[in-house]
Amino acid sequence: MMEKKLYKVARDTNSFLKKFLNKQKKTSLISPMKYGLLPGGKKIRSKLLIDVGKIFLIEYKTLLHVSAAVECIHAYSLIHDDLPCMDDDIFRRGKFTVHKKFSESTAILAGNSLLTISFEILSSNNFNVSSDVKNELISSISWCAGHSGVAGGQHLDLEYEKQRVSMLKIIEMQRKKTGMLFEFCCIAPIIIKKDKKNFKQFSSIGSDIGLLFQIADDLIDQCGNSKKVGKKTKKDQKKGKATLISLLGYKNAINYSYKLKNNIFKRLNKFGKNAEDLKETVNFILTRSK
């Protein structure tokens, strides 16, 4: 059931993105942009956004606009993370990374272009929300993607390599690198709904889900099969990455992740049946094998 729900969100988001990109002026960067963006990835961030949108009764078509912008930001961050000057990865989603398929300079420019496309999607005349909601969404996704979020977290991730780093600093880094985009997915429906009373709670829930995702991702890197995962595994230990596994040990990191999940569920319980899809997605994040 979960796989079918993920597939639907991925299919609909990819369809939106293909149509949007096909309407763009044809340039030499469109091909590497599409390569880095489509069709791979489980679209877990988009699924979370749809799940939170369900709690607050936001129209699916409206949420797809936002999910498309999120996937552009996510793809941009992956393209740049894979570069030789950063994590130096050859495979991503079961195929060559963008810089291996094209070139390093092309990958940088394609990533930059996907970042800006996300703002174009959210400011589009076809996005049927008010101007003040558009402005707040663009401001929030910018904050989550930049030096205070994804980019800043990636910088810390590189800076902490082969260092003894405290648990507090590792969590802070992972909440920025991964958690901030998850946080945006959980607050975007609330911004659209203009429901200020639930903003802080879902900001915190989104950050926790992002941290949970990163721990699960690190566990997969430790024990996952490269062919199944679609990228090289066991990289973190070789590079001396600062992770909760390297600090706490494998079993303790698993225990921490389950405590985190239970805490997320406690806060979602008050939303009743409307939060069941979100809980299911959180469970999937924790138990996935790729």
Protein backbone atom coordinates (compact mmCIF):
# COMPACT_ATOMS: atom_id res chain seq x y z
CA MET A 1 0.00 0.00 0.00
CA MET A 2 2.77 2.44 0.96
CA GLU A 3 4.65 1.71 -2.28
CA LYS A 4 1.51 2.50 -4.31
CA LYS A 5 1.01 5.81 -2.49
CA LEU A 6 4.64 6.77 -3.02
CA TYR A 7 4.41 5.79 -6.69
CA LYS A 8 1.35 8.01 -7.21
CA VAL A 9 3.02 11.05 -5.65
CA ALA A 10 6.24 10.40 -7.62
CA ARG A 11 4.33 9.92 -10.88
CA ASP A 12 2.24 13.07 -10.44
CA THR A 13 5.21 15.20 -9.31
CA ASN A 14 7.36 13.98 -12.21
CA SER A 15 4.52 14.65 -14.65
CA PHE A 16 4.21 18.22 -13.36
CA LEU A 17 7.98 18.76 -13.62
CA LYS A 18 8.21 17.34 -17.15
CA LYS A 19 5.43 19.65 -18.35
CA PHE A 20 7.00 22.64 -16.60
CA LEU A 21 10.47 21.99 -18.02
CA ASN A 22 9.12 21.29 -21.51
CA LYS A 23 7.64 24.80 -21.52
CA GLN A 24 11.02 26.34 -20.70
CA LYS A 25 13.19 27.94 -23.35
CA LYS A 26 15.34 25.16 -24.83
CA THR A 27 18.94 25.51 -23.66
CA SER A 28 21.93 23.18 -23.35
CA LEU A 29 21.29 22.86 -19.60
CA ILE A 30 17.77 21.42 -19.86
CA SER A 31 19.07 17.90 -20.60
CA PRO A 32 21.41 17.64 -17.56
CA MET A 33 18.71 19.28 -15.40
CA LYS A 34 16.19 16.61 -16.42
CA TYR A 35 18.82 13.90 -15.95
CA GLY A 36 19.48 14.97 -12.35
CA LEU A 37 15.81 15.56 -11.56
CA LEU A 38 13.91 12.77 -13.33
CA PRO A 39 12.72 10.07 -13.00
CA GLY A 40 14.58 8.65 -9.97
CA GLY A 41 14.00 9.07 -6.29
CA LYS A 42 11.17 7.94 -4.06
CA LYS A 43 9.82 11.49 -3.57
CA ILE A 44 9.53 10.96 0.20
CA ARG A 45 9.66 14.71 0.83
CA SER A 46 6.76 15.25 -1.55
CA LYS A 47 4.83 12.41 0.10
CA LEU A 48 5.27 14.09 3.50
CA LEU A 49 4.03 17.36 2.08
CA ILE A 50 0.93 15.62 0.68
CA ASP A 51 0.38 13.83 4.01
CA VAL A 52 0.50 17.07 6.03
CA GLY A 53 -1.69 18.71 3.39
CA LYS A 54 -4.27 15.98 4.01
CA ILE A 55 -4.38 16.86 7.72
CA PHE A 56 -5.18 20.47 6.85
CA LEU A 57 -7.47 19.68 3.88
CA ILE A 58 -5.32 21.36 1.20
CA GLU A 59 -6.18 20.60 -2.42
CA TYR A 60 -3.88 17.97 -3.98
CA LYS A 61 -3.27 20.06 -7.12
CA THR A 62 -2.06 22.97 -4.98
CA LEU A 63 0.32 20.72 -3.06
CA LEU A 64 1.80 19.33 -6.30
CA HIS A 65 3.05 22.83 -7.17
CA VAL A 66 4.96 22.94 -3.90
CA SER A 67 6.22 19.35 -4.17
CA ALA A 68 7.66 20.13 -7.61
CA ALA A 69 9.60 23.06 -6.15
CA VAL A 70 10.84 20.87 -3.28
CA GLU A 71 12.11 18.19 -5.69
CA CYS A 72 14.02 20.81 -7.69
CA ILE A 73 15.74 21.98 -4.49
CA HIS A 74 16.46 18.40 -3.47
CA ALA A 75 17.89 17.48 -6.89
CA TYR A 76 20.07 20.60 -6.91
CA SER A 77 21.50 19.66 -3.50
CA LEU A 78 22.24 16.08 -4.60
CA ILE A 79 23.93 17.18 -7.83
CA HIS A 80 26.21 19.50 -5.86
CA ASP A 81 26.78 17.00 -3.01
CA ASP A 82 28.02 14.44 -5.54
CA LEU A 83 30.69 16.75 -6.98
CA PRO A 84 34.40 15.80 -6.64
CA CYS A 85 35.00 18.80 -4.37
CA MET A 86 32.34 17.52 -1.96
CA ASP A 87 31.35 13.85 -1.55
CA ASP A 88 32.84 12.76 -4.89
CA ASP A 89 30.19 10.16 -5.80
CA ILE A 90 30.01 8.31 -9.11
CA PHE A 91 26.52 6.80 -8.84
CA ARG A 92 23.20 8.23 -7.73
CA ARG A 93 19.78 6.56 -8.04
CA GLY A 94 21.30 3.65 -9.94
CA LYS A 95 22.96 5.73 -12.68
CA PHE A 96 25.99 7.96 -13.17
CA THR A 97 25.95 11.23 -11.24
CA VAL A 98 25.43 14.38 -13.30
CA HIS A 99 29.10 15.40 -13.28
CA LYS A 100 30.12 11.91 -14.48
CA LYS A 101 27.47 11.82 -17.20
CA PHE A 102 28.18 15.36 -18.43
CA SER A 103 30.95 17.39 -16.76
CA GLU A 104 31.73 19.05 -13.44
CA SER A 105 30.98 22.55 -14.69
CA THR A 106 27.73 21.39 -16.30
CA ALA A 107 26.66 19.75 -13.03
CA ILE A 108 27.25 22.98 -11.08
CA LEU A 109 25.26 25.04 -13.57
CA ALA A 110 22.46 22.47 -13.86
CA GLY A 111 22.17 22.41 -10.05
CA ASN A 112 22.08 26.20 -9.90
CA SER A 113 19.38 26.24 -12.57
CA LEU A 114 17.20 23.75 -10.67
CA LEU A 115 17.50 25.91 -7.56
CA THR A 116 16.15 28.94 -9.44
CA ILE A 117 13.46 26.88 -11.20
CA SER A 118 11.97 26.08 -7.79
CA PHE A 119 11.32 29.80 -7.20
CA GLU A 120 9.84 30.11 -10.69
CA ILE A 121 7.41 27.27 -9.92
CA LEU A 122 6.26 28.89 -6.67
CA SER A 123 5.83 32.33 -8.26
CA SER A 124 3.98 30.99 -11.32
CA ASN A 125 0.63 32.51 -12.30
CA ASN A 126 -0.73 28.97 -12.53
CA PHE A 127 -0.11 28.44 -8.82
CA ASN A 128 -3.54 29.28 -7.45
CA VAL A 129 -2.73 30.83 -4.07
CA SER A 130 -2.54 34.45 -2.93
CA SER A 131 0.55 36.59 -3.50
CA ASP A 132 1.32 36.80 0.22
CA VAL A 133 1.25 32.98 0.49
CA LYS A 134 3.58 32.70 -2.53
CA ASN A 135 5.96 35.20 -0.95
CA GLU A 136 6.01 33.33 2.35
CA LEU A 137 6.58 29.97 0.64
CA ILE A 138 9.45 31.37 -1.43
CA SER A 139 10.98 33.04 1.65
CA SER A 140 10.71 29.82 3.68
CA ILE A 141 12.13 27.50 1.01
CA SER A 142 15.00 29.96 0.43
CA TRP A 143 15.82 29.97 4.13
CA CYS A 144 15.69 26.16 4.25
CA ALA A 145 17.91 25.72 1.17
CA GLY A 146 20.60 28.31 1.86
CA HIS A 147 23.42 28.90 4.36
CA SER A 148 21.04 28.51 7.33
CA GLY A 149 19.78 25.17 6.00
CA VAL A 150 20.83 22.62 3.37
CA ALA A 151 23.94 24.44 2.11
CA GLY A 152 25.09 25.34 5.62
CA GLY A 153 24.56 21.76 6.79
CA GLN A 154 26.57 20.38 3.88
CA HIS A 155 29.40 22.77 4.76
CA LEU A 156 29.42 21.51 8.35
CA ASP A 157 29.27 17.90 7.13
CA LEU A 158 32.49 18.44 5.17
CA GLU A 159 34.09 20.43 7.97
CA TYR A 160 33.42 17.69 10.55
CA GLU A 161 35.05 14.88 8.55
CA LYS A 162 37.67 12.92 10.55
CA GLN A 163 36.95 14.97 13.67
CA ARG A 164 35.56 14.02 17.06
CA VAL A 165 32.28 15.93 17.10
CA SER A 166 29.73 16.17 19.92
CA MET A 167 26.25 14.69 19.62
CA LEU A 168 24.74 18.17 19.79
CA LYS A 169 26.82 19.36 16.83
CA ILE A 170 26.06 16.25 14.75
CA ILE A 171 22.32 16.67 15.33
CA GLU A 172 22.51 20.39 14.52
CA MET A 173 24.40 19.62 11.28
CA GLN A 174 21.97 16.88 10.22
CA ARG A 175 18.92 19.00 11.05
CA LYS A 176 20.32 21.63 8.67
CA LYS A 177 21.61 19.36 5.91
CA THR A 178 18.54 17.11 5.77
CA GLY A 179 15.98 18.29 8.28
CA MET A 180 15.37 21.78 6.93
CA LEU A 181 13.81 20.63 3.65
CA PHE A 182 11.66 18.12 5.55
CA GLU A 183 10.69 20.97 7.86
CA PHE A 184 9.60 23.05 4.87
CA CYS A 185 7.45 20.15 3.60
CA CYS A 186 5.65 20.08 6.93
CA ILE A 187 5.08 23.84 7.24
CA ALA A 188 4.20 24.59 3.60
CA PRO A 189 0.59 23.30 3.92
CA ILE A 190 0.21 25.37 7.10
CA ILE A 191 1.49 28.47 5.28
CA ILE A 192 -1.08 27.82 2.54
CA LYS A 193 -3.82 27.29 5.16
CA LYS A 194 -2.65 30.34 7.15
CA ASP A 195 -2.89 28.25 10.33
CA LYS A 196 -0.41 30.01 12.63
CA LYS A 197 -1.31 28.03 15.75
CA ASN A 198 0.13 24.79 14.32
CA PHE A 199 3.19 26.32 12.67
CA LYS A 200 5.75 25.75 15.44
CA GLN A 201 4.58 22.22 16.13
CA PHE A 202 4.86 21.09 12.50
CA SER A 203 8.14 22.94 12.08
CA SER A 204 9.49 20.81 14.94
CA ILE A 205 7.88 17.61 13.63
CA GLY A 206 9.38 18.20 10.17
CA SER A 207 12.84 18.77 11.61
CA ASP A 208 12.56 15.55 13.63
CA ILE A 209 11.40 13.57 10.59
CA GLY A 210 14.38 14.92 8.65
CA LEU A 211 16.75 13.84 11.42
CA LEU A 212 15.09 10.42 11.44
CA PHE A 213 15.55 10.16 7.67
CA GLN A 214 19.26 11.01 7.97
CA ILE A 215 19.84 8.42 10.68
CA ALA A 216 18.07 5.79 8.53
CA ASP A 217 20.17 6.89 5.55
CA ASP A 218 23.37 6.49 7.59
CA LEU A 219 22.25 3.03 8.73
CA ILE A 220 21.67 2.06 5.09
CA ASP A 221 25.15 3.33 4.19
CA GLN A 222 26.58 1.15 6.95
CA CYS A 223 24.81 -2.09 6.01
CA GLY A 224 23.04 -1.57 2.66
CA ASN A 225 23.75 -3.27 -0.65
CA SER A 226 25.13 -0.85 -3.27
CA LYS A 227 23.14 -2.38 -6.15
CA LYS A 228 19.89 -2.25 -4.20
CA VAL A 229 20.51 1.24 -2.84
CA GLY A 230 21.58 2.63 -6.23
CA LYS A 231 24.73 4.30 -4.94
CA LYS A 232 27.97 3.33 -3.27
CA THR A 233 27.60 2.32 0.38
CA LYS A 234 29.99 2.23 3.35
CA LYS A 235 31.29 5.68 2.36
CA ASP A 236 30.72 7.39 5.72
CA GLN A 237 33.21 5.28 7.66
CA LYS A 238 35.87 5.57 4.94
CA LYS A 239 35.55 9.35 4.84
CA GLY A 240 35.34 9.71 8.62
CA LYS A 241 31.90 11.30 8.50
CA ALA A 242 30.45 12.61 11.75
CA THR A 243 27.26 10.57 12.24
CA LEU A 244 25.28 9.35 15.22
CA ILE A 245 26.38 5.81 14.29
CA SER A 246 30.06 6.75 14.51
CA LEU A 247 29.43 8.45 17.85
CA LEU A 248 26.86 6.18 19.54
CA GLY A 249 27.37 2.86 17.76
CA TYR A 250 24.97 1.01 15.45
CA LYS A 251 22.53 -0.36 18.06
CA ASN A 252 22.35 2.86 20.06
CA ALA A 253 21.69 4.85 16.87
CA ILE A 254 18.77 2.51 16.09
CA ASN A 255 17.42 2.92 19.64
CA TYR A 256 17.69 6.71 19.31
CA SER A 257 15.79 6.64 16.01
CA TYR A 258 12.89 4.67 17.53
CA LYS A 259 12.65 7.10 20.44
CA LEU A 260 12.54 9.93 17.90
CA LYS A 261 9.76 8.19 15.95
CA ASN A 262 7.69 7.58 19.09
CA ASN A 263 8.01 11.25 20.02
CA ILE A 264 6.82 12.28 16.56
CA PHE A 265 3.82 9.93 16.84
CA LYS A 266 2.83 11.34 20.26
CA ARG A 267 2.52 14.81 18.74
CA LEU A 268 0.55 13.51 15.76
CA ASN A 269 -1.97 11.55 17.82
CA LYS A 270 -4.18 14.58 18.43
CA PHE A 271 -4.85 14.86 14.68
CA GLY A 272 -6.51 11.44 14.65
CA LYS A 273 -7.20 9.52 11.44
CA ASN A 274 -6.11 12.44 9.25
CA ALA A 275 -2.52 11.84 10.41
CA GLU A 276 -2.46 8.10 9.62
CA ASP A 277 -0.85 8.57 6.18
CA LEU A 278 1.85 10.75 7.72
CA LYS A 279 2.54 8.13 10.41
CA GLU A 280 2.75 5.45 7.72
CA THR A 281 5.33 7.53 5.82
CA VAL A 282 7.37 8.09 8.99
CA ASN A 283 7.39 4.33 9.60
CA PHE A 284 8.52 3.77 6.02
CA ILE A 285 11.37 6.25 6.48
CA LEU A 286 12.60 4.39 9.54
CA THR A 287 12.31 0.84 8.18
CA ARG A 288 13.32 1.32 4.51
CA SER A 289 16.29 -0.59 3.15
CA LYS A 290 17.22 1.80 0.30
